[in-house]
Amino acid sequence: MSSKTLRNERPTNPLRRGLLMSAAAFGLPAFAQFRVEISGVGGTQLPIAIADFRDEALAGQPLAGIVRADLERSGQFRIVPGGIGLSETSAINFNEWRSKQADALAAGSVARLADGRLDVRYKLWDVVKGQDQGGESQAVHPDDSRLAAHRIADSIYQKLTGERGVFSTRMAYVTKSGGRYQLRITDADGEGGQIALNSPDPIISPSWSPEGRELAYVSFETRKAVVWVQDLSTGRRRMLANFRGSNSAPTFSPDGQRLALTLSREGGSQLFSMSRAGGDVRRLTQTSAIDTEPVYSPDGAQIYFVSDRGGSPQIYRMPADGGAAERVTFNGAYNISPAISPDGRTLAYVTREGGSVFRVCVMDLATGQAQRISDTTDDERPSFAPNGRLIVYATRSEGRDVLMTTTLDGRIKAKLLSTSADVREPTWGPFGR
């Protein structure tokens, strides 16, 4: 397989693990049992207090704690403790909160409706100005109480930053435990969600469709690399690419109509594109090199990819329908796993330092200036949040495979620690659920 060939010097990268599964088991509940460890200090963080929600035990989830963790993980907020006994209907003593150096305060409540749903409410106050900033009410099924908390965090984030939050989006990743592999679809904090695929064989390279309805991935269930696409609402899956040789590294175009992928059906590993339905196969690169890991620019006009055509793996870009390629990365002799920010301005990738240290970097595509943002040494597969403010990547910490989120400057990191499995292959889903 092409990606494995590029990274065969690294015995722990995901592309050297073989690839994917056998029988699909969809729709089962999956509680990842994550906890979040946040480290680092941001340059400017807004101090905010999130009071425990009145009667939040009805939800079966620590709603205020979820909101706090979401906001803190964003790197934009510093949590101020306190607020016992408050709700969205409370009269707020702004002087008291000013003395606690809080700039904002949120409080809420949970009530059970006659039909069994939960009424989840919250309100936000600007402590500095002494003003009510409004709030919202959600009527949700008890199983969706975590989603309600993430939506509240999104609402607070947008009110205070002017940008859309990503806490109610989803993430896909792969876990390995006891010789079993699972493809999980979870909340953006790595918890909740469902098992999309359960397999005794490795799973790699999940890729979201732009509307979040499907995932493409690679399977070795037939003892060769085959690309599949799975509908996440029904669990139905279909074989997309099963050509002679290896079929790998699928990625959807921004309009969702095509996928780029790596095929070796004509000898070597080259980039191709094909329709979402599985036909109209077009060869995009015509080299004797290994070309792999394609990713579209947000406007769909270009494809970034990895090639060793210059002697070592580097990131290149070319028109989305093929053509002349230009090299993008020049710092370091080994750069792989490109990801492009939603605004098209920033490239995230993995660079090798020395012989065996792999770290996430970001590059300003306008200036070519690159910056290492991770402090771990075994990083893999960065993926941008849909608002472009955070990156998730896989790494190894304290002897475990874990997921890490980081701000683009690397100052605030959140380690998502699973208590039951090694975790790899993250990809952040689009807005909308």
Protein backbone atom coordinates (compact mmCIF):
# COMPACT_ATOMS: atom_id res chain seq x y z
CA MET A 1 0.00 0.00 0.00
CA SER A 2 1.32 3.40 -0.95
CA SER A 3 1.01 5.19 2.38
CA LYS A 4 2.61 2.30 4.16
CA THR A 5 5.47 2.37 1.71
CA LEU A 6 6.04 6.03 2.38
CA ARG A 7 6.13 5.46 6.12
CA ASN A 8 7.70 2.02 6.35
CA GLU A 9 10.56 3.41 8.41
CA ARG A 10 8.13 4.12 11.22
CA PRO A 11 6.91 0.93 12.90
CA THR A 12 4.07 2.64 14.79
CA ASN A 13 2.30 4.77 12.19
CA PRO A 14 -1.34 3.95 11.39
CA LEU A 15 -0.68 3.16 7.76
CA ARG A 16 1.70 0.37 8.72
CA ARG A 17 -0.99 -1.36 10.75
CA GLY A 18 -2.71 -3.05 7.89
CA LEU A 19 -6.28 -1.92 7.21
CA LEU A 20 -9.82 -2.69 8.15
CA MET A 21 -12.53 -5.04 9.13
CA SER A 22 -14.96 -7.78 8.49
CA ALA A 23 -18.58 -7.65 9.74
CA ALA A 24 -20.52 -4.44 10.29
CA ALA A 25 -22.24 -3.88 13.61
CA PHE A 26 -24.02 -0.55 13.49
CA GLY A 27 -26.14 1.50 15.78
CA LEU A 28 -25.00 0.06 19.11
CA PRO A 29 -24.40 2.52 21.93
CA ALA A 30 -20.74 3.24 22.55
CA PHE A 31 -19.60 5.11 25.62
CA ALA A 32 -15.93 5.84 25.17
CA GLN A 33 -15.38 6.78 28.82
CA PHE A 34 -13.02 9.62 28.04
CA ARG A 35 -11.71 12.20 30.38
CA VAL A 36 -10.17 15.45 29.29
CA GLU A 37 -6.83 16.77 30.53
CA ILE A 38 -6.25 20.38 29.49
CA SER A 39 -2.80 21.91 29.55
CA GLY A 40 -1.21 25.19 28.52
CA VAL A 41 -2.00 28.84 28.99
CA GLY A 42 -3.60 30.97 26.32
CA GLY A 43 -2.61 34.53 25.56
CA THR A 44 -6.10 35.98 25.98
CA GLN A 45 -8.79 33.97 27.73
CA LEU A 46 -12.17 35.26 28.81
CA PRO A 47 -12.94 34.33 32.44
CA ILE A 48 -16.38 32.72 32.65
CA ALA A 49 -18.34 30.95 35.38
CA ILE A 50 -20.70 28.09 34.48
CA ALA A 51 -22.96 27.27 37.42
CA ASP A 52 -24.17 23.71 37.93
CA PHE A 53 -27.56 23.37 36.26
CA ARG A 54 -30.49 23.12 38.65
CA ASP A 55 -31.81 19.52 38.67
CA GLU A 56 -29.23 18.42 36.09
CA ALA A 57 -29.30 14.95 37.67
CA LEU A 58 -32.50 14.42 35.65
CA ALA A 59 -30.33 14.43 32.54
CA GLY A 60 -28.04 11.70 33.78
CA GLN A 61 -25.11 13.79 32.56
CA PRO A 62 -23.04 16.56 34.19
CA LEU A 63 -24.33 19.23 31.81
CA ALA A 64 -22.47 22.16 33.34
CA GLY A 65 -19.28 20.12 33.46
CA ILE A 66 -19.62 19.30 29.75
CA VAL A 67 -20.11 22.99 28.93
CA ARG A 68 -17.09 23.96 31.04
CA ALA A 69 -14.87 21.34 29.40
CA ASP A 70 -15.99 22.40 25.92
CA LEU A 71 -15.26 26.06 26.51
CA GLU A 72 -11.95 25.42 28.25
CA ARG A 73 -10.80 23.07 25.50
CA SER A 74 -11.38 25.81 22.93
CA GLY A 75 -8.54 27.84 24.43
CA GLN A 76 -10.73 30.96 24.45
CA PHE A 77 -11.99 30.72 28.04
CA ARG A 78 -10.78 30.37 31.61
CA ILE A 79 -13.26 28.79 34.00
CA VAL A 80 -14.08 30.68 37.21
CA PRO A 81 -15.47 28.41 39.96
CA GLY A 82 -18.70 29.06 41.81
CA GLY A 83 -22.37 29.59 41.17
CA ILE A 84 -24.05 27.04 43.42
CA GLY A 85 -27.82 27.37 43.53
CA LEU A 86 -28.17 29.48 40.40
CA SER A 87 -30.43 28.91 37.40
CA GLU A 88 -31.51 30.88 34.36
CA THR A 89 -34.21 32.60 36.46
CA SER A 90 -31.86 33.78 39.23
CA ALA A 91 -31.31 37.43 40.06
CA ILE A 92 -27.58 37.99 39.55
CA ASN A 93 -25.40 40.01 41.92
CA PHE A 94 -22.98 41.36 39.33
CA ASN A 95 -20.72 42.99 41.92
CA GLU A 96 -20.16 39.59 43.52
CA TRP A 97 -19.09 38.09 40.20
CA ARG A 98 -16.93 41.07 39.34
CA SER A 99 -15.11 40.52 42.62
CA LYS A 100 -14.46 36.94 41.47
CA GLN A 101 -12.98 38.40 38.28
CA ALA A 102 -15.57 36.72 36.05
CA ASP A 103 -16.42 38.55 32.83
CA ALA A 104 -19.35 36.28 32.02
CA LEU A 105 -21.70 33.93 33.85
CA ALA A 106 -24.03 31.19 32.62
CA ALA A 107 -26.60 29.19 34.56
CA GLY A 108 -29.44 26.87 33.65
CA SER A 109 -31.87 24.17 34.66
CA VAL A 110 -33.36 20.84 33.63
CA ALA A 111 -37.02 19.83 33.90
CA ARG A 112 -38.86 16.73 32.72
CA LEU A 113 -41.73 17.31 30.31
CA ALA A 114 -44.96 15.31 30.27
CA ASP A 115 -43.86 13.37 27.18
CA GLY A 116 -40.63 12.23 28.85
CA ARG A 117 -38.37 14.70 27.11
CA LEU A 118 -36.13 17.08 29.00
CA ASP A 119 -36.49 20.85 28.95
CA VAL A 120 -32.91 22.14 29.11
CA ARG A 121 -32.55 25.91 29.55
CA TYR A 122 -29.71 28.32 30.07
CA LYS A 123 -29.01 32.06 30.23
CA LEU A 124 -25.80 34.04 29.77
CA TRP A 125 -24.90 37.30 31.50
CA ASP A 126 -22.23 39.86 30.69
CA VAL A 127 -20.85 40.52 34.16
CA VAL A 128 -18.70 43.47 33.13
CA LYS A 129 -21.66 45.37 31.66
CA GLY A 130 -24.24 43.88 34.01
CA GLN A 131 -26.39 42.78 31.08
CA ASP A 132 -28.55 39.77 30.21
CA GLN A 133 -27.15 38.23 27.00
CA GLY A 134 -30.09 35.91 26.42
CA GLY A 135 -30.24 32.16 26.33
CA GLU A 136 -32.19 29.27 24.89
CA SER A 137 -34.44 26.35 25.69
CA GLN A 138 -34.20 22.85 24.20
CA ALA A 139 -36.66 20.00 24.46
CA VAL A 140 -34.57 16.85 23.98
CA HIS A 141 -34.81 13.11 24.47
CA PRO A 142 -32.84 12.08 27.58
CA ASP A 143 -30.36 10.25 25.33
CA ASP A 144 -29.54 13.62 23.73
CA SER A 145 -28.73 15.47 26.94
CA ARG A 146 -25.01 15.53 26.10
CA LEU A 147 -25.83 17.05 22.73
CA ALA A 148 -27.95 19.68 24.50
CA ALA A 149 -24.94 20.62 26.65
CA HIS A 150 -22.69 20.86 23.59
CA ARG A 151 -25.26 23.10 21.89
CA ILE A 152 -25.27 25.38 24.92
CA ALA A 153 -21.48 25.58 24.76
CA ASP A 154 -21.78 26.45 21.05
CA SER A 155 -24.29 29.18 21.84
CA ILE A 156 -22.11 30.69 24.56
CA TYR A 157 -19.03 30.49 22.34
CA GLN A 158 -20.77 32.29 19.49
CA LYS A 159 -22.27 34.99 21.72
CA LEU A 160 -18.88 35.79 23.26
CA THR A 161 -16.54 35.31 20.29
CA GLY A 162 -18.75 36.04 17.30
CA GLU A 163 -17.70 32.72 15.72
CA ARG A 164 -19.52 29.45 15.37
CA GLY A 165 -18.71 26.79 17.96
CA VAL A 166 -17.90 23.18 17.09
CA PHE A 167 -18.83 21.38 20.30
CA SER A 168 -22.01 19.83 18.88
CA THR A 169 -20.20 18.48 15.82
CA ARG A 170 -19.02 14.88 15.59
CA MET A 171 -15.73 13.07 15.35
CA ALA A 172 -14.82 9.69 13.89
CA TYR A 173 -11.91 7.65 15.17
CA VAL A 174 -10.72 4.07 15.52
CA THR A 175 -10.15 2.18 18.75
CA LYS A 176 -8.24 -1.02 19.37
CA SER A 177 -8.85 -3.14 22.45
CA GLY A 178 -8.13 -6.81 22.99
CA GLY A 179 -7.53 -7.50 19.32
CA ARG A 180 -10.80 -5.83 18.28
CA TYR A 181 -11.13 -2.68 16.22
CA GLN A 182 -14.06 -0.28 16.26
CA LEU A 183 -14.91 2.69 14.10
CA ARG A 184 -16.69 5.11 16.40
CA ILE A 185 -18.78 8.19 15.68
CA THR A 186 -18.82 10.40 18.74
CA ASP A 187 -19.33 13.89 20.07
CA ALA A 188 -16.51 16.33 19.44
CA ASP A 189 -15.10 15.60 22.91
CA GLY A 190 -14.68 11.94 22.00
CA GLU A 191 -17.59 10.65 24.09
CA GLY A 192 -21.08 9.38 23.47
CA GLY A 193 -22.08 8.34 19.99
CA GLN A 194 -22.23 4.93 18.37
CA ILE A 195 -20.15 2.11 16.94
CA ALA A 196 -20.27 2.31 13.15
CA LEU A 197 -18.12 -0.77 12.61
CA ASN A 198 -16.85 -3.62 14.77
CA SER A 199 -14.06 -5.81 13.39
CA PRO A 200 -11.23 -8.18 14.25
CA ASP A 201 -9.15 -6.48 11.54
CA PRO A 202 -7.56 -3.01 11.56
CA ILE A 203 -9.54 0.02 10.41
CA ILE A 204 -7.93 3.13 8.95
CA SER A 205 -8.51 6.28 6.90
CA PRO A 206 -12.10 7.29 7.74
CA SER A 207 -13.19 10.36 5.79
CA TRP A 208 -16.41 12.36 6.22
CA SER A 209 -18.69 13.33 3.38
CA PRO A 210 -19.18 17.13 3.40
CA GLU A 211 -22.76 16.93 4.68
CA GLY A 212 -21.82 14.40 7.39
CA ARG A 213 -24.11 11.65 6.12
CA GLU A 214 -21.47 9.12 5.07
CA LEU A 215 -17.98 7.91 5.92
CA ALA A 216 -15.50 6.47 3.46
CA TYR A 217 -12.85 4.12 4.81
CA VAL A 218 -10.49 1.31 3.82
CA SER A 219 -11.12 -2.38 4.51
CA PHE A 220 -8.93 -5.48 4.31
CA GLU A 221 -11.80 -7.88 4.95
CA THR A 222 -11.13 -9.52 1.59
CA ARG A 223 -7.41 -9.66 2.40
CA LYS A 224 -6.67 -6.64 0.24
CA ALA A 225 -7.21 -2.91 0.62
CA VAL A 226 -10.72 -1.96 -0.52
CA VAL A 227 -12.49 1.39 -0.13
CA TRP A 228 -16.00 1.33 1.31
CA VAL A 229 -18.60 4.05 1.91
CA GLN A 230 -21.06 3.70 4.79
CA ASP A 231 -24.32 5.55 5.41
CA LEU A 232 -24.23 6.56 9.06
CA SER A 233 -27.98 6.79 9.53
CA THR A 234 -28.74 3.30 8.27
CA GLY A 235 -25.45 1.44 8.61
CA ARG A 236 -25.64 0.31 4.99
CA ARG A 237 -22.30 0.25 3.22
CA ARG A 238 -21.17 -0.21 -0.33
CA MET A 239 -17.89 -1.15 -1.96
CA LEU A 240 -16.52 1.90 -3.77
CA ALA A 241 -13.10 0.83 -5.03
CA ASN A 242 -11.95 -2.78 -5.39
CA PHE A 243 -9.50 -2.62 -8.25
CA ARG A 244 -6.44 -4.78 -8.78
CA GLY A 245 -3.77 -3.91 -6.23
CA SER A 246 -4.27 -1.47 -3.38
CA ASN A 247 -7.20 0.93 -2.96
CA SER A 248 -6.55 3.48 -0.22
CA ALA A 249 -6.68 6.99 1.28
CA PRO A 250 -10.18 8.10 0.20
CA THR A 251 -11.27 11.73 0.62
CA PHE A 252 -14.47 13.48 -0.45
CA SER A 253 -14.51 16.57 -2.63
CA PRO A 254 -16.12 19.64 -1.00
CA ASP A 255 -19.25 19.28 -3.13
CA GLY A 256 -19.49 15.60 -2.22
CA GLN A 257 -19.77 14.45 -5.82
CA ARG A 258 -16.33 12.83 -6.16
CA LEU A 259 -13.64 11.17 -4.08
CA ALA A 260 -9.89 11.29 -4.57
CA LEU A 261 -7.96 8.18 -3.59
CA THR A 262 -4.75 6.25 -4.16
CA LEU A 263 -4.87 3.26 -6.49
CA SER A 264 -2.15 0.92 -7.72
CA ARG A 265 -4.28 -0.74 -10.39
CA GLU A 266 -2.02 0.54 -13.20
CA GLY A 267 1.23 -0.14 -11.37
CA GLY A 268 2.73 2.04 -8.66
CA SER A 269 0.65 4.16 -6.32
CA GLN A 270 -1.00 7.08 -8.06
CA LEU A 271 -3.86 9.48 -7.41
CA PHE A 272 -7.24 8.95 -9.04
CA SER A 273 -10.69 10.41 -8.63
CA MET A 274 -14.05 8.74 -9.05
CA SER A 275 -17.69 9.61 -8.66
CA ARG A 276 -19.45 9.16 -5.35
CA ALA A 277 -21.49 6.41 -6.98
CA GLY A 278 -18.30 4.53 -7.86
CA GLY A 279 -17.77 5.14 -11.56
CA ASP A 280 -16.03 7.64 -13.85
CA VAL A 281 -12.51 6.79 -12.68
CA ARG A 282 -9.92 9.39 -13.72
CA ARG A 283 -6.17 9.22 -13.21
CA LEU A 284 -4.80 12.45 -11.72
CA THR A 285 -1.04 11.87 -11.44
CA GLN A 286 1.32 10.36 -14.01
CA THR A 287 4.61 9.70 -12.23
CA SER A 288 6.79 6.81 -11.20
CA ALA A 289 6.72 8.10 -7.61
CA ILE A 290 4.43 7.16 -4.75
CA ASP A 291 1.57 9.69 -4.66
CA THR A 292 -0.87 9.35 -1.78
CA GLU A 293 -2.89 10.99 1.03
CA PRO A 294 -4.92 13.37 -1.18
CA VAL A 295 -7.04 16.13 0.38
CA TYR A 296 -9.08 18.77 -1.43
CA SER A 297 -8.77 22.49 -0.84
CA PRO A 298 -12.00 23.95 0.59
CA ASP A 299 -12.98 25.46 -2.75
CA GLY A 300 -12.41 22.14 -4.52
CA ALA A 301 -9.97 23.68 -6.99
CA GLN A 302 -6.82 21.93 -5.77
CA ILE A 303 -5.65 18.69 -4.25
CA TYR A 304 -2.84 18.55 -1.70
CA PHE A 305 -1.05 15.23 -1.49
CA VAL A 306 2.12 13.45 -0.41
CA SER A 307 4.73 12.32 -2.92
CA ASP A 308 8.31 11.08 -2.81
CA ARG A 309 8.98 12.31 -6.36
CA GLY A 310 11.72 14.58 -5.00
CA GLY A 311 13.47 11.74 -3.17
CA SER A 312 11.64 11.93 0.18
CA PRO A 313 8.00 12.36 1.20
CA GLN A 314 6.83 15.97 0.84
CA ILE A 315 3.51 17.72 0.40
CA TYR A 316 2.53 18.98 -3.06
CA ARG A 317 -0.55 20.54 -4.62
CA MET A 318 -2.04 20.39 -8.09
CA PRO A 319 -5.32 21.22 -9.86
CA ALA A 320 -8.15 18.97 -8.68
CA ASP A 321 -8.52 17.45 -12.15
CA GLY A 322 -4.78 16.72 -12.42
CA GLY A 323 -1.92 18.61 -13.97
CA ALA A 324 1.38 20.15 -12.93
CA ALA A 325 2.15 19.83 -9.22
CA GLU A 326 4.09 22.28 -7.06
CA ARG A 327 5.91 21.46 -3.86
CA VAL A 328 4.48 23.04 -0.70
CA THR A 329 6.69 21.86 2.18
CA PHE A 330 10.40 22.61 2.26
CA ASN A 331 11.30 22.60 5.97
CA GLY A 332 12.47 19.12 6.88
CA ALA A 333 13.14 16.02 4.82
CA TYR A 334 9.94 14.12 5.65
CA ASN A 335 6.47 15.74 5.69
CA ILE A 336 3.20 13.82 5.39
CA SER A 337 -0.53 13.77 6.29
CA PRO A 338 -1.76 17.12 4.96
CA ALA A 339 -4.95 18.76 6.26
CA ILE A 340 -6.28 22.11 5.06
CA SER A 341 -8.14 24.55 7.30
CA PRO A 342 -11.74 25.37 6.31
CA ASP A 343 -10.70 28.86 5.18
CA GLY A 344 -7.92 27.41 3.00
CA ARG A 345 -5.22 29.49 4.66
CA THR A 346 -3.47 26.94 6.89
CA LEU A 347 -1.88 23.57 6.24
CA ALA A 348 -1.49 21.11 9.11
CA TYR A 349 0.83 18.18 8.60
CA VAL A 350 3.21 15.78 10.34
CA THR A 351 6.94 16.28 10.10
CA ARG A 352 9.70 13.89 11.09
CA GLU A 353 12.48 15.27 13.23
CA GLY A 354 15.61 13.15 13.41
CA GLY A 355 14.95 9.49 12.78
CA SER A 356 11.86 8.69 14.82
CA VAL A 357 10.19 11.83 16.20
CA PHE A 358 6.93 12.82 14.48
CA ARG A 359 5.24 16.12 15.33
CA VAL A 360 2.28 18.16 14.10
CA CYS A 361 3.11 21.44 12.36
CA VAL A 362 1.02 24.20 10.85
CA MET A 363 1.99 26.35 7.88
CA ASP A 364 0.63 29.69 6.70
CA LEU A 365 0.07 28.90 3.03
CA ALA A 366 0.41 32.55 2.00
CA THR A 367 3.85 33.02 3.55
CA GLY A 368 5.16 29.46 3.82
CA GLN A 369 5.99 30.06 7.49
CA ALA A 370 5.73 26.83 9.48
CA GLN A 371 5.47 26.24 13.23
CA ARG A 372 5.59 23.04 15.27
CA ILE A 373 2.61 23.00 17.65
CA SER A 374 2.88 19.65 19.42
CA ASP A 375 5.19 18.58 22.22
CA THR A 376 4.65 14.84 21.76
CA THR A 377 6.83 12.66 19.55
CA ASP A 378 4.57 10.13 17.82
CA ASP A 379 1.90 12.28 16.17
CA GLU A 380 -0.37 11.20 13.34
CA ARG A 381 -3.20 12.42 11.12
CA PRO A 382 -4.15 16.00 12.05
CA SER A 383 -7.70 17.10 11.25
CA PHE A 384 -9.23 20.57 11.53
CA ALA A 385 -12.42 21.41 13.39
CA PRO A 386 -15.01 22.84 10.99
CA ASN A 387 -14.50 26.37 12.35
CA GLY A 388 -10.73 26.04 11.84
CA ARG A 389 -9.89 26.96 15.44
CA LEU A 390 -8.82 23.54 16.71
CA ILE A 391 -6.94 20.53 15.39
CA VAL A 392 -7.34 16.95 16.55
CA TYR A 393 -4.57 14.43 16.04
CA ALA A 394 -3.48 11.02 17.26
CA THR A 395 -0.38 10.57 19.36
CA ARG A 396 1.16 8.39 22.03
CA SER A 397 1.33 9.49 25.64
CA GLU A 398 2.29 7.56 28.75
CA GLY A 399 2.34 4.31 26.82
CA ARG A 400 -1.13 4.72 25.30
CA ASP A 401 -2.48 5.75 21.92
CA VAL A 402 -4.61 8.82 22.57
CA LEU A 403 -6.31 11.72 20.83
CA MET A 404 -5.19 15.28 21.41
CA THR A 405 -6.83 18.56 20.47
CA THR A 406 -4.82 21.73 20.19
CA THR A 407 -5.32 25.36 19.34
CA LEU A 408 -3.55 26.46 16.18
CA ASP A 409 -0.81 28.19 18.18
CA GLY A 410 -0.23 25.04 20.23
CA ARG A 411 -0.82 26.84 23.53
CA ILE A 412 -3.89 24.95 24.75
CA LYS A 413 -4.00 21.17 24.42
CA ALA A 414 -6.61 18.71 25.61
CA LYS A 415 -5.74 15.05 25.89
CA LEU A 416 -8.71 12.74 25.43
CA LEU A 417 -7.81 9.68 27.48
CA SER A 418 -9.77 6.51 26.86
CA THR A 419 -9.82 4.15 29.83
CA SER A 420 -10.46 1.08 27.71
CA ALA A 421 -8.75 1.27 24.32
CA ASP A 422 -5.97 2.72 22.22
CA VAL A 423 -7.34 5.45 19.97
CA ARG A 424 -6.15 6.48 16.49
CA GLU A 425 -7.25 7.77 13.09
CA PRO A 426 -9.30 10.83 14.12
CA THR A 427 -11.21 12.93 11.63
CA TRP A 428 -13.40 15.88 12.61
CA GLY A 429 -16.84 15.97 11.04
CA PRO A 430 -18.60 18.94 9.44
CA PHE A 431 -21.13 21.33 10.97
CA GLY A 432 -24.66 20.03 11.31
CA ARG A 433 -26.24 17.01 12.99
